[in-house]
Amino acid sequence: MKEFYPKKGRVILHVDMNSFYASVEMAYDPQLKGKPLAIAGNEKERRGIIVTCSYEARKFGVKTTMPLWEAKKKCPDLIVLPPNFDRYRTASLAMFQILHEFSDIVEPVSIDEGYVDITNCHDLGTPIYIAKTIQKRIYERLDLPCSIGIAPNKFLAKTASDLKKPMGIMILRKRDIPNILWPMQVEEMHGIGKKTGEKLRAIGIQTIHDLAMAQSIPLKATLGINGIRLKERANGEDNRPVDPEAANEFKSIGNSTTLPKDVKNQQELFRVLGTLANKVATRMKRKHVHANHLSVTVRYGNRKNYSKSKKLANPVKTEEEILQYSKEIFISAWDGNPVRLLGITAGDLIDNNIVVKQLDLFSFEKDAEKEPLWTAIDKLKEKYGSSIIEPASERNNISKKEENIGTLTSFNKDFLQGKKF
């Protein structure tokens, strides 16, 4: 089958699960199939937000991030279920296990999508045969639909899978770009949102073809180096590898401090915990991770250490969250005797890009309201790398020495942790 593979180039698949959360619920309860279904917050509250919905619901105009009251108005028969992230994580793991049956070069992008490099998989068949087999296997084993893009790079593979939904398979070669990609409006290009589109239109760029042919100087003046990268993508250029190491694991990030004297005053000890929480949160922000586990170490005047830990219901990353839980752990561990050393360690770390929270209804609503923002940020990171944009709160000034403190090992995506393929 080597004749169906390029001699020098790559063959990349982008596997994208269709309406993933809703599809998982339909697989779990087949009576939901063919019905308008939405995953959302509290159905009894007007402020509920749609997280995802079935294609049957989309026919009525229901969309992700739409207020629940509006969705019910558009589709009175809409079935609404709360999110079940344990169920989605299980399905995600099973999906990635299937992808690993075809190639060891698999890069999870999120809980419901990933890239597969099949460049050296010609013994398994043609690229289209492998894609069809993956799609069929996922559907037969998990009862879940997916779309697959086949291309020489990640950008084109992602674009291809987006163009054929649901249950589609599409090949997008560089020679197809003039006919398929270039006629599209510039905002339709993967990773370009409304604001960037407006800036491009302001300098006369209306279509993806215009972007591909644009002069570099005005592009750079308008969008900086990102303008040049956008032009490269519009011409189908993307050298990013499919990186399985994106699923590697940090073990922990921690800080401790020895006090100049034994301290028994609780408020003073809380202030020390506050300083430690700030340092741990700062380093976590630099590494772009959340923590599923926190532990507090206490050394008393007799120089004996005592540690207590807590498995968290939802991953945390902010200084406030870390301090809140650290105080709770400390209070449960402290025997009231003078303390000479305190430490906080964040463990079971998760890549920010694919963190999946076991949300209660209140935090779920807050996160869902921000979904358009996170979607825009994800698109930028997908195009330009994870460091291209981050919240202002994470732009901490930190020395190289401090940045390199701690254990740095590989970390698995949260839904792959501890699993072997």
Protein backbone atom coordinates (compact mmCIF):
# COMPACT_ATOMS: atom_id res chain seq x y z
CA MET A 1 0.00 0.00 0.00
CA LYS A 2 3.04 2.28 -0.04
CA GLU A 3 1.94 3.75 -3.36
CA PHE A 4 -0.99 5.39 -1.56
CA TYR A 5 1.36 7.23 0.82
CA PRO A 6 3.63 10.19 0.02
CA LYS A 7 7.33 9.43 -0.33
CA LYS A 8 8.40 12.47 1.67
CA GLY A 9 5.30 13.94 3.26
CA ARG A 10 3.03 12.89 6.12
CA VAL A 11 -0.47 11.49 6.45
CA ILE A 12 -2.35 12.92 9.44
CA LEU A 13 -5.84 12.08 10.65
CA HIS A 14 -7.95 14.38 12.78
CA VAL A 15 -10.61 12.38 14.59
CA ASP A 16 -13.42 14.56 15.93
CA MET A 17 -16.31 13.04 17.87
CA ASN A 18 -19.69 14.41 16.79
CA SER A 19 -21.81 16.17 19.42
CA PHE A 20 -19.82 14.13 21.92
CA TYR A 21 -21.65 14.62 25.23
CA ALA A 22 -25.06 14.22 23.63
CA SER A 23 -23.89 11.19 21.62
CA VAL A 24 -22.55 9.52 24.76
CA GLU A 25 -25.93 10.00 26.45
CA MET A 26 -27.68 8.49 23.43
CA ALA A 27 -25.33 5.51 23.49
CA TYR A 28 -26.09 5.06 27.19
CA ASP A 29 -29.85 5.37 26.64
CA PRO A 30 -30.82 4.39 23.06
CA GLN A 31 -34.35 5.76 23.61
CA LEU A 32 -32.82 9.24 23.24
CA LYS A 33 -31.65 8.55 19.69
CA GLY A 34 -33.28 10.64 17.01
CA LYS A 35 -34.63 13.12 19.55
CA PRO A 36 -33.61 16.74 20.20
CA LEU A 37 -31.24 16.47 23.18
CA ALA A 38 -29.18 19.09 25.00
CA ILE A 39 -26.63 18.87 27.79
CA ALA A 40 -27.08 21.86 30.06
CA GLY A 41 -27.21 23.14 33.61
CA ASN A 42 -30.22 23.37 35.87
CA GLU A 43 -33.26 22.91 33.67
CA LYS A 44 -35.47 24.59 36.29
CA GLU A 45 -33.43 27.79 36.20
CA ARG A 46 -33.73 30.38 33.45
CA ARG A 47 -30.00 31.02 33.46
CA GLY A 48 -29.04 27.51 32.32
CA ILE A 49 -26.59 27.37 29.41
CA ILE A 50 -26.43 24.76 26.61
CA VAL A 51 -23.08 22.94 26.64
CA THR A 52 -23.76 20.81 23.58
CA CYS A 53 -26.75 19.45 21.73
CA SER A 54 -27.68 16.73 19.26
CA TYR A 55 -27.97 17.39 15.55
CA GLU A 56 -31.72 16.89 15.88
CA ALA A 57 -31.79 19.85 18.27
CA ARG A 58 -29.58 21.93 15.99
CA LYS A 59 -32.20 21.66 13.25
CA PHE A 60 -34.41 23.85 15.45
CA GLY A 61 -31.67 26.46 15.86
CA VAL A 62 -30.40 25.27 19.25
CA LYS A 63 -26.72 26.10 19.68
CA THR A 64 -23.90 25.69 22.18
CA THR A 65 -23.81 28.47 24.85
CA MET A 66 -27.43 29.42 24.08
CA PRO A 67 -29.47 30.19 27.21
CA LEU A 68 -31.67 27.24 28.09
CA TRP A 69 -34.86 29.33 28.06
CA GLU A 70 -34.14 30.39 24.49
CA ALA A 71 -33.36 26.83 23.41
CA LYS A 72 -36.65 25.60 24.90
CA LYS A 73 -38.47 28.37 23.07
CA LYS A 74 -36.97 27.28 19.76
CA CYS A 75 -37.51 23.60 20.51
CA PRO A 76 -40.33 22.98 23.03
CA ASP A 77 -39.72 19.21 22.94
CA LEU A 78 -36.03 19.61 23.80
CA ILE A 79 -34.79 16.93 26.23
CA VAL A 80 -32.32 18.40 28.71
CA LEU A 81 -29.81 16.37 30.72
CA PRO A 82 -27.13 17.52 33.18
CA PRO A 83 -23.49 16.75 32.29
CA ASN A 84 -22.08 13.41 33.41
CA PHE A 85 -18.33 13.83 33.12
CA ASP A 86 -17.46 10.40 34.49
CA ARG A 87 -19.42 8.92 31.63
CA TYR A 88 -17.72 11.20 29.07
CA ARG A 89 -14.24 10.46 30.41
CA THR A 90 -14.89 6.72 30.13
CA ALA A 91 -16.04 7.09 26.52
CA SER A 92 -13.07 9.32 25.70
CA LEU A 93 -10.59 6.81 27.07
CA ALA A 94 -12.18 4.04 25.03
CA MET A 95 -12.02 6.19 21.89
CA PHE A 96 -8.30 6.90 22.35
CA GLN A 97 -7.64 3.23 23.01
CA ILE A 98 -9.08 2.52 19.57
CA LEU A 99 -6.85 5.18 17.97
CA HIS A 100 -3.81 3.57 19.57
CA GLU A 101 -4.71 0.30 17.85
CA PHE A 102 -3.67 1.93 14.58
CA SER A 103 -0.69 4.10 15.54
CA ASP A 104 1.50 4.93 18.51
CA ILE A 105 1.67 8.54 17.33
CA VAL A 106 -1.55 9.89 18.81
CA GLU A 107 -1.99 13.40 20.21
CA PRO A 108 -5.08 14.05 22.33
CA VAL A 109 -6.29 17.60 21.76
CA SER A 110 -9.29 17.48 24.06
CA ILE A 111 -11.66 14.94 25.54
CA ASP A 112 -13.34 14.40 22.17
CA GLU A 113 -10.71 14.92 19.48
CA GLY A 114 -7.17 13.96 18.59
CA TYR A 115 -4.58 13.67 15.82
CA VAL A 116 -3.16 10.39 14.54
CA ASP A 117 -0.01 10.17 12.41
CA ILE A 118 -0.42 7.17 10.08
CA THR A 119 2.49 8.02 7.77
CA ASN A 120 4.16 4.66 8.43
CA CYS A 121 0.97 2.60 8.71
CA HIS A 122 0.80 1.49 5.07
CA ASP A 123 0.73 -2.17 6.17
CA LEU A 124 -2.74 -1.52 7.59
CA GLY A 125 -4.16 -0.32 4.27
CA THR A 126 -4.73 2.94 2.45
CA PRO A 127 -5.33 6.15 4.44
CA ILE A 128 -9.01 6.16 3.50
CA TYR A 129 -9.34 2.50 4.52
CA ILE A 130 -7.74 3.20 7.91
CA ALA A 131 -10.02 6.20 8.46
CA LYS A 132 -13.11 4.17 7.56
CA THR A 133 -11.99 1.35 9.83
CA ILE A 134 -11.43 3.72 12.76
CA GLN A 135 -14.80 5.35 12.23
CA LYS A 136 -16.54 1.99 11.96
CA ARG A 137 -14.75 0.56 15.00
CA ILE A 138 -15.63 3.55 17.19
CA TYR A 139 -19.25 3.34 16.11
CA GLU A 140 -19.58 -0.43 16.49
CA ARG A 141 -17.81 -0.64 19.85
CA LEU A 142 -18.96 2.59 21.47
CA ASP A 143 -22.07 3.50 19.45
CA LEU A 144 -20.52 6.95 18.91
CA PRO A 145 -20.25 8.89 15.61
CA CYS A 146 -17.13 10.76 14.54
CA SER A 147 -15.79 12.72 11.60
CA ILE A 148 -12.26 12.22 10.28
CA GLY A 149 -10.09 14.53 8.22
CA ILE A 150 -7.16 13.14 6.22
CA ALA A 151 -4.39 15.54 5.21
CA PRO A 152 -0.62 16.10 5.02
CA ASN A 153 -0.64 18.26 8.18
CA LYS A 154 -2.62 19.03 11.32
CA PHE A 155 -4.23 22.25 10.10
CA LEU A 156 -5.61 20.71 6.94
CA ALA A 157 -6.71 17.56 8.78
CA LYS A 158 -8.64 19.65 11.29
CA THR A 159 -10.17 21.70 8.49
CA ALA A 160 -11.18 18.54 6.63
CA SER A 161 -12.95 16.98 9.62
CA ASP A 162 -14.87 20.21 10.21
CA LEU A 163 -16.13 20.17 6.63
CA LYS A 164 -17.75 16.73 6.86
CA LYS A 165 -20.06 16.42 9.89
CA PRO A 166 -21.57 14.26 11.16
CA MET A 167 -20.03 10.85 10.37
CA GLY A 168 -17.99 12.17 7.49
CA ILE A 169 -14.54 11.38 6.11
CA MET A 170 -12.76 13.92 3.95
CA ILE A 171 -9.36 14.08 2.29
CA LEU A 172 -7.85 17.54 1.94
CA ARG A 173 -4.62 17.78 -0.04
CA LYS A 174 -2.61 20.90 -0.68
CA ARG A 175 -3.67 20.81 -4.32
CA ASP A 176 -7.30 20.99 -3.15
CA ILE A 177 -6.78 24.28 -1.31
CA PRO A 178 -7.55 26.63 -4.27
CA ASN A 179 -10.91 24.97 -4.93
CA ILE A 180 -12.03 24.12 -1.39
CA LEU A 181 -10.38 26.50 1.05
CA TRP A 182 -9.67 29.72 -0.82
CA PRO A 183 -13.24 30.61 -1.88
CA MET A 184 -14.39 30.59 1.76
CA GLN A 185 -14.83 33.78 3.77
CA VAL A 186 -11.82 34.51 5.94
CA GLU A 187 -13.78 33.96 9.18
CA GLU A 188 -14.52 30.39 8.09
CA MET A 189 -10.86 29.44 8.33
CA HIS A 190 -10.10 27.32 11.36
CA GLY A 191 -8.83 29.55 14.15
CA ILE A 192 -9.98 32.92 12.79
CA GLY A 193 -12.70 34.53 14.86
CA LYS A 194 -14.88 37.56 14.42
CA LYS A 195 -12.39 40.14 15.75
CA THR A 196 -9.48 38.87 13.67
CA GLY A 197 -11.78 38.69 10.67
CA GLU A 198 -12.72 42.33 11.15
CA LYS A 199 -9.06 43.35 11.28
CA LEU A 200 -8.29 41.41 8.13
CA ARG A 201 -11.27 42.90 6.30
CA ALA A 202 -10.09 46.35 7.33
CA ILE A 203 -6.97 45.82 5.19
CA GLY A 204 -8.93 44.38 2.26
CA ILE A 205 -8.74 40.67 3.05
CA GLN A 206 -12.19 39.15 2.48
CA THR A 207 -11.55 35.52 1.60
CA ILE A 208 -9.02 32.87 2.53
CA HIS A 209 -7.57 33.33 -0.96
CA ASP A 210 -6.99 37.01 -0.18
CA LEU A 211 -5.17 35.98 2.98
CA ALA A 212 -3.04 33.43 1.15
CA MET A 213 -1.98 36.06 -1.41
CA ALA A 214 -1.62 38.98 1.04
CA GLN A 215 1.56 40.97 1.42
CA SER A 216 3.44 40.10 4.60
CA ILE A 217 4.17 43.68 5.69
CA PRO A 218 0.55 44.84 6.19
CA LEU A 219 -0.33 41.47 7.72
CA LYS A 220 2.44 41.81 10.27
CA ALA A 221 1.55 45.42 10.94
CA THR A 222 -2.06 44.42 11.64
CA LEU A 223 -1.65 41.13 13.52
CA GLY A 224 2.04 40.88 14.32
CA ILE A 225 3.84 37.60 13.71
CA ASN A 226 0.47 35.87 13.89
CA GLY A 227 -0.45 37.48 10.59
CA ILE A 228 2.42 35.68 8.90
CA ARG A 229 1.36 32.40 10.48
CA LEU A 230 -2.20 32.92 9.30
CA LYS A 231 -0.93 33.39 5.78
CA GLU A 232 1.05 30.16 6.06
CA ARG A 233 -2.05 28.28 7.20
CA ALA A 234 -4.10 29.77 4.35
CA ASN A 235 -1.51 28.30 1.99
CA GLY A 236 -1.79 24.93 3.73
CA GLU A 237 1.56 25.13 5.51
CA ASP A 238 1.81 23.57 8.97
CA ASN A 239 4.93 21.78 10.17
CA ARG A 240 3.73 20.96 13.69
CA PRO A 241 4.28 17.29 14.51
CA VAL A 242 1.68 15.01 16.01
CA ASP A 243 3.10 14.97 19.52
CA PRO A 244 2.26 12.09 21.88
CA GLU A 245 4.34 13.88 24.52
CA ALA A 246 1.49 16.37 24.80
CA ALA A 247 0.08 13.60 27.00
CA ASN A 248 2.99 13.40 29.42
CA GLU A 249 2.78 13.88 33.13
CA PHE A 250 4.08 16.30 35.72
CA LYS A 251 4.08 14.56 39.06
CA SER A 252 3.77 17.53 41.39
CA ILE A 253 4.56 21.16 42.09
CA GLY A 254 5.25 22.20 45.65
CA ASN A 255 6.81 24.82 47.88
CA SER A 256 7.72 24.79 51.55
CA THR A 257 9.33 27.21 53.97
CA THR A 258 11.12 26.85 57.29
CA LEU A 259 9.98 29.51 59.72
CA PRO A 260 12.59 31.59 61.60
CA LYS A 261 11.01 30.44 64.87
CA ASP A 262 8.32 28.09 66.11
CA VAL A 263 4.90 29.62 65.46
CA LYS A 264 1.64 28.76 67.18
CA ASN A 265 -0.57 31.66 66.12
CA GLN A 266 -3.12 30.39 63.60
CA GLN A 267 -3.47 33.66 61.67
CA GLU A 268 0.28 33.93 61.26
CA LEU A 269 0.39 30.34 59.97
CA PHE A 270 -2.44 31.17 57.57
CA ARG A 271 -0.35 34.07 56.22
CA VAL A 272 2.50 31.65 55.56
CA LEU A 273 0.10 29.32 53.76
CA GLY A 274 -1.02 32.31 51.69
CA THR A 275 2.55 32.97 50.57
CA LEU A 276 3.05 29.31 49.70
CA ALA A 277 -0.26 29.15 47.82
CA ASN A 278 0.85 32.14 45.75
CA LYS A 279 4.14 30.45 44.81
CA VAL A 280 2.50 27.13 43.91
CA ALA A 281 -0.22 28.86 41.87
CA THR A 282 2.38 30.97 40.04
CA ARG A 283 4.37 27.91 39.03
CA MET A 284 1.23 26.06 38.00
CA LYS A 285 0.27 28.98 35.77
CA ARG A 286 3.69 28.90 34.14
CA LYS A 287 3.27 25.19 33.47
CA HIS A 288 -0.36 25.61 32.34
CA VAL A 289 -1.78 22.95 34.64
CA HIS A 290 -4.58 22.35 37.15
CA ALA A 291 -4.28 20.15 40.24
CA ASN A 292 -6.56 17.31 41.29
CA HIS A 293 -4.77 16.73 44.58
CA LEU A 294 -3.36 18.94 47.36
CA SER A 295 -1.25 18.06 50.37
CA VAL A 296 0.02 20.13 53.29
CA THR A 297 3.19 19.30 55.21
CA VAL A 298 3.67 20.42 58.81
CA ARG A 299 6.92 20.15 60.79
CA TYR A 300 6.63 20.75 64.48
CA GLY A 301 9.21 22.03 66.92
CA ASN A 302 10.32 18.46 67.58
CA ARG A 303 11.43 18.34 63.91
CA LYS A 304 8.91 15.60 62.99
CA ASN A 305 7.04 16.02 59.72
CA TYR A 306 3.37 15.28 59.26
CA SER A 307 1.56 15.42 55.90
CA LYS A 308 -2.10 15.25 55.04
CA SER A 309 -3.61 15.29 51.57
CA LYS A 310 -6.99 15.73 49.89
CA LYS A 311 -8.34 14.47 46.60
CA LEU A 312 -10.33 17.36 45.12
CA ALA A 313 -13.76 17.02 43.57
CA ASN A 314 -12.83 19.59 40.89
CA PRO A 315 -9.37 20.54 39.57
CA VAL A 316 -7.98 23.85 40.89
CA LYS A 317 -5.31 26.30 39.77
CA THR A 318 -5.92 29.71 41.35
CA GLU A 319 -4.16 31.02 44.42
CA GLU A 320 -7.52 31.51 46.16
CA GLU A 321 -8.60 27.91 45.55
CA ILE A 322 -5.26 26.47 46.63
CA LEU A 323 -5.24 28.58 49.80
CA GLN A 324 -8.82 27.69 50.69
CA TYR A 325 -8.21 23.94 50.49
CA SER A 326 -4.78 24.21 52.10
CA LYS A 327 -6.29 25.94 55.12
CA GLU A 328 -8.89 23.18 55.43
CA ILE A 329 -6.24 20.47 55.18
CA PHE A 330 -3.98 22.27 57.65
CA ILE A 331 -6.74 22.68 60.24
CA SER A 332 -7.57 18.98 60.02
CA ALA A 333 -3.89 18.05 60.37
CA TRP A 334 -2.61 20.56 62.94
CA ASP A 335 -2.54 19.40 66.56
CA GLY A 336 -2.14 22.88 67.96
CA ASN A 337 1.57 22.59 68.73
CA PRO A 338 4.13 25.16 67.49
CA VAL A 339 5.02 24.81 63.81
CA ARG A 340 8.50 25.23 62.32
CA LEU A 341 7.88 24.33 58.67
CA LEU A 342 4.90 24.50 56.31
CA GLY A 343 4.59 23.18 52.77
CA ILE A 344 1.95 22.91 50.03
CA THR A 345 2.17 20.41 47.18
CA ALA A 346 -0.16 20.26 44.17
CA GLY A 347 -0.35 16.85 42.55
CA ASP A 348 -2.18 14.81 39.92
CA LEU A 349 -1.69 17.71 37.50
CA ILE A 350 -3.74 18.21 34.35
CA ASP A 351 -3.02 20.16 31.17
CA ASN A 352 -5.18 23.31 31.15
CA ASN A 353 -6.22 22.68 27.55
CA ILE A 354 -8.26 19.61 28.31
CA VAL A 355 -9.12 19.89 31.98
CA VAL A 356 -12.52 18.32 32.62
CA LYS A 357 -14.21 19.33 35.86
CA GLN A 358 -16.71 17.37 37.84
CA LEU A 359 -18.89 20.45 37.87
CA ASP A 360 -21.63 21.22 40.29
CA LEU A 361 -24.48 23.24 38.83
CA PHE A 362 -23.15 26.55 40.09
CA SER A 363 -19.60 26.31 38.77
CA PHE A 364 -21.00 24.70 35.61
CA GLU A 365 -23.05 27.79 34.82
CA LYS A 366 -20.05 30.07 35.36
CA ASP A 367 -17.87 27.98 33.07
CA ALA A 368 -20.51 27.62 30.39
CA GLU A 369 -21.04 31.38 30.23
CA LYS A 370 -17.35 31.75 29.39
CA GLU A 371 -17.46 29.04 26.70
CA PRO A 372 -17.24 31.49 23.75
CA LEU A 373 -14.09 32.99 25.30
CA TRP A 374 -12.50 29.59 25.91
CA THR A 375 -13.39 28.52 22.37
CA ALA A 376 -11.67 31.59 20.93
CA ILE A 377 -8.60 31.02 23.09
CA ASP A 378 -8.45 27.35 22.11
CA LYS A 379 -8.53 28.30 18.44
CA LEU A 380 -5.62 30.71 18.91
CA LYS A 381 -3.61 28.12 20.83
CA GLU A 382 -4.35 25.50 18.19
CA LYS A 383 -2.98 27.77 15.47
CA TYR A 384 -0.06 29.44 17.21
CA GLY A 385 0.91 27.34 20.19
CA SER A 386 -0.15 27.19 23.83
CA SER A 387 1.87 30.26 24.85
CA ILE A 388 0.26 32.66 22.36
CA ILE A 389 -2.40 33.85 24.80
CA GLU A 390 -3.14 33.49 28.47
CA PRO A 391 -5.15 35.38 31.09
CA ALA A 392 -3.54 38.55 32.40
CA SER A 393 -3.57 36.98 35.85
CA GLU A 394 -1.14 34.39 34.58
CA ARG A 395 1.38 36.87 33.23
CA ASN A 396 3.48 36.69 36.37
CA ASN A 397 7.05 37.89 36.50
CA ILE A 398 9.01 34.89 37.64
CA SER A 399 12.71 34.24 37.59
CA LYS A 400 14.21 31.42 35.54
CA LYS A 401 15.53 29.95 38.74
CA GLU A 402 12.08 29.82 40.28
CA GLU A 403 10.51 28.56 37.07
CA ASN A 404 12.84 25.57 37.00
CA ILE A 405 12.26 24.58 40.62
CA GLY A 406 10.44 21.30 41.18
CA THR A 407 9.92 18.02 39.45
CA LEU A 408 9.30 18.14 35.70
CA THR A 409 8.25 14.84 34.21
CA SER A 410 5.74 13.82 31.59
CA PHE A 411 2.00 14.15 32.21
CA ASN A 412 -0.97 12.33 30.74
CA LYS A 413 -4.14 14.03 29.67
CA ASP A 414 -6.53 13.69 32.56
CA PHE A 415 -8.69 11.15 30.80
CA LEU A 416 -5.63 9.01 29.94
CA GLN A 417 -3.89 9.07 33.31
CA GLY A 418 -2.65 5.75 34.51
CA LYS A 419 -3.79 3.94 31.37
CA LYS A 420 -1.58 1.76 29.18
CA PHE A 421 -2.21 1.05 25.52
